[in-house]
C-alpha atoms as a PDB file:
ATOM      1  CA  MET A   1      38.462 129.851 109.422  1.00  0.00           C
ATOM      2  CA  PRO A   2      37.627 133.273 110.918  1.00  0.00           C
ATOM      3  CA  ARG A   3      40.255 135.234 112.773  1.00  0.00           C
ATOM      4  CA  PHE A   4      39.629 136.044 116.416  1.00  0.00           C
ATOM      5  CA  PRO A   5      40.606 139.374 117.948  1.00  0.00           C
ATOM      6  CA  VAL A   6      43.598 139.595 120.243  1.00  0.00           C
ATOM      7  CA  LEU A   7      42.317 140.983 123.552  1.00  0.00           C
ATOM      8  CA  THR A   8      43.821 142.358 126.751  1.00  0.00           C
ATOM      9  CA  TYR A   9      42.946 141.006 130.200  1.00  0.00           C
ATOM     10  CA  GLN A  10      40.616 143.949 130.855  1.00  0.00           C
ATOM     11  CA  GLN A  11      38.700 143.342 127.627  1.00  0.00           C
ATOM     12  CA  VAL A  12      38.348 139.614 128.361  1.00  0.00           C
ATOM     13  CA  ALA A  13      37.218 140.295 131.947  1.00  0.00           C
ATOM     14  CA  LYS A  14      34.563 142.716 130.695  1.00  0.00           C
ATOM     15  CA  LYS A  15      33.248 140.209 128.128  1.00  0.00           C
ATOM     16  CA  ILE A  16      33.246 137.304 130.555  1.00  0.00           C
ATOM     17  CA  LYS A  17      31.312 139.356 133.143  1.00  0.00           C
ATOM     18  CA  LYS A  18      28.692 140.089 130.477  1.00  0.00           C
ATOM     19  CA  ALA A  19      28.465 136.335 129.851  1.00  0.00           C
ATOM     20  CA  GLY A  20      27.458 135.796 133.503  1.00  0.00           C
ATOM     21  CA  PHE A  21      30.787 134.760 135.012  1.00  0.00           C
ATOM     22  CA  CYS A  22      32.044 136.107 138.336  1.00  0.00           C
ATOM     23  CA  PHE A  23      35.507 136.041 139.884  1.00  0.00           C
ATOM     24  CA  TYR A  24      35.954 132.774 141.790  1.00  0.00           C
ATOM     25  CA  ARG A  25      39.576 132.676 142.981  1.00  0.00           C
ATOM     26  CA  GLN A  26      43.211 133.433 142.214  1.00  0.00           C
ATOM     27  CA  CYS A  27      45.008 130.504 140.603  1.00  0.00           C
ATOM     28  CA  LYS A  28      48.678 129.676 140.548  1.00  0.00           C
ATOM     29  CA  GLY A  29      50.812 132.568 139.329  1.00  0.00           C
ATOM     30  CA  SER A  30      49.065 135.317 137.435  1.00  0.00           C
ATOM     31  CA  HIS A  31      45.896 133.475 136.445  1.00  0.00           C
ATOM     32  CA  GLU A  32      42.336 133.949 137.697  1.00  0.00           C
ATOM     33  CA  MET A  33      39.483 131.470 137.811  1.00  0.00           C
ATOM     34  CA  TRP A  34      36.025 132.740 136.859  1.00  0.00           C
ATOM     35  CA  ALA A  35      32.872 130.638 137.354  1.00  0.00           C
ATOM     36  CA  ARG A  36      29.247 130.760 136.215  1.00  0.00           C
ATOM     37  CA  ASP A  37      26.720 129.390 138.710  1.00  0.00           C
ATOM     38  CA  SER A  38      23.938 128.815 136.173  1.00  0.00           C
ATOM     39  CA  ASP A  39      25.712 125.923 134.446  1.00  0.00           C
ATOM     40  CA  GLY A  40      28.883 125.338 136.484  1.00  0.00           C
ATOM     41  CA  LYS A  41      31.289 126.395 133.728  1.00  0.00           C
ATOM     42  CA  VAL A  42      34.725 127.639 134.756  1.00  0.00           C
ATOM     43  CA  ALA A  43      37.173 129.797 132.800  1.00  0.00           C
ATOM     44  CA  VAL A  44      40.817 130.443 133.658  1.00  0.00           C
ATOM     45  CA  ILE A  45      42.143 133.782 132.411  1.00  0.00           C
ATOM     46  CA  PRO A  46      45.798 134.857 132.473  1.00  0.00           C
ATOM     47  CA  LYS A  47      46.210 138.256 134.108  1.00  0.00           C
ATOM     48  CA  HIS A  48      49.245 139.659 132.328  1.00  0.00           C
ATOM     49  CA  LEU A  49      48.665 143.397 132.415  1.00  0.00           C
ATOM     50  CA  GLY A  50      49.963 145.171 129.341  1.00  0.00           C
ATOM     51  CA  LYS A  51      50.085 141.964 127.286  1.00  0.00           C
ATOM     52  CA  THR A  52      47.458 140.546 124.969  1.00  0.00           C
ATOM     53  CA  ILE A  53      45.657 137.223 125.290  1.00  0.00           C
ATOM     54  CA  LYS A  54      45.429 134.966 122.256  1.00  0.00           C
ATOM     55  CA  ARG A  55      42.462 132.650 121.809  1.00  0.00           C
ATOM     56  CA  LYS A  56      43.120 129.163 123.136  1.00  0.00           C
ATOM     57  CA  GLY A  57      40.498 126.464 123.462  1.00  0.00           C
ATOM     58  CA  ARG A  58      36.801 127.297 123.596  1.00  0.00           C
ATOM     59  CA  TYR A  59      35.590 130.865 123.944  1.00  0.00           C
ATOM     60  CA  PRO A  60      33.107 131.147 126.837  1.00  0.00           C
END
């Protein structure tokens, strides 16, 4: 099983924007909801500045 890189919020936000997602709304706490209009997919990203994000679930 391949290893996935550990990314920061800024790196994830940059990649998800490239994938066609745009900021939708602020969720509970320090999480953000990003949506893609073309297919209706939604991604929730934790916004913990200075901390890394580990892969969990499907990668958009």
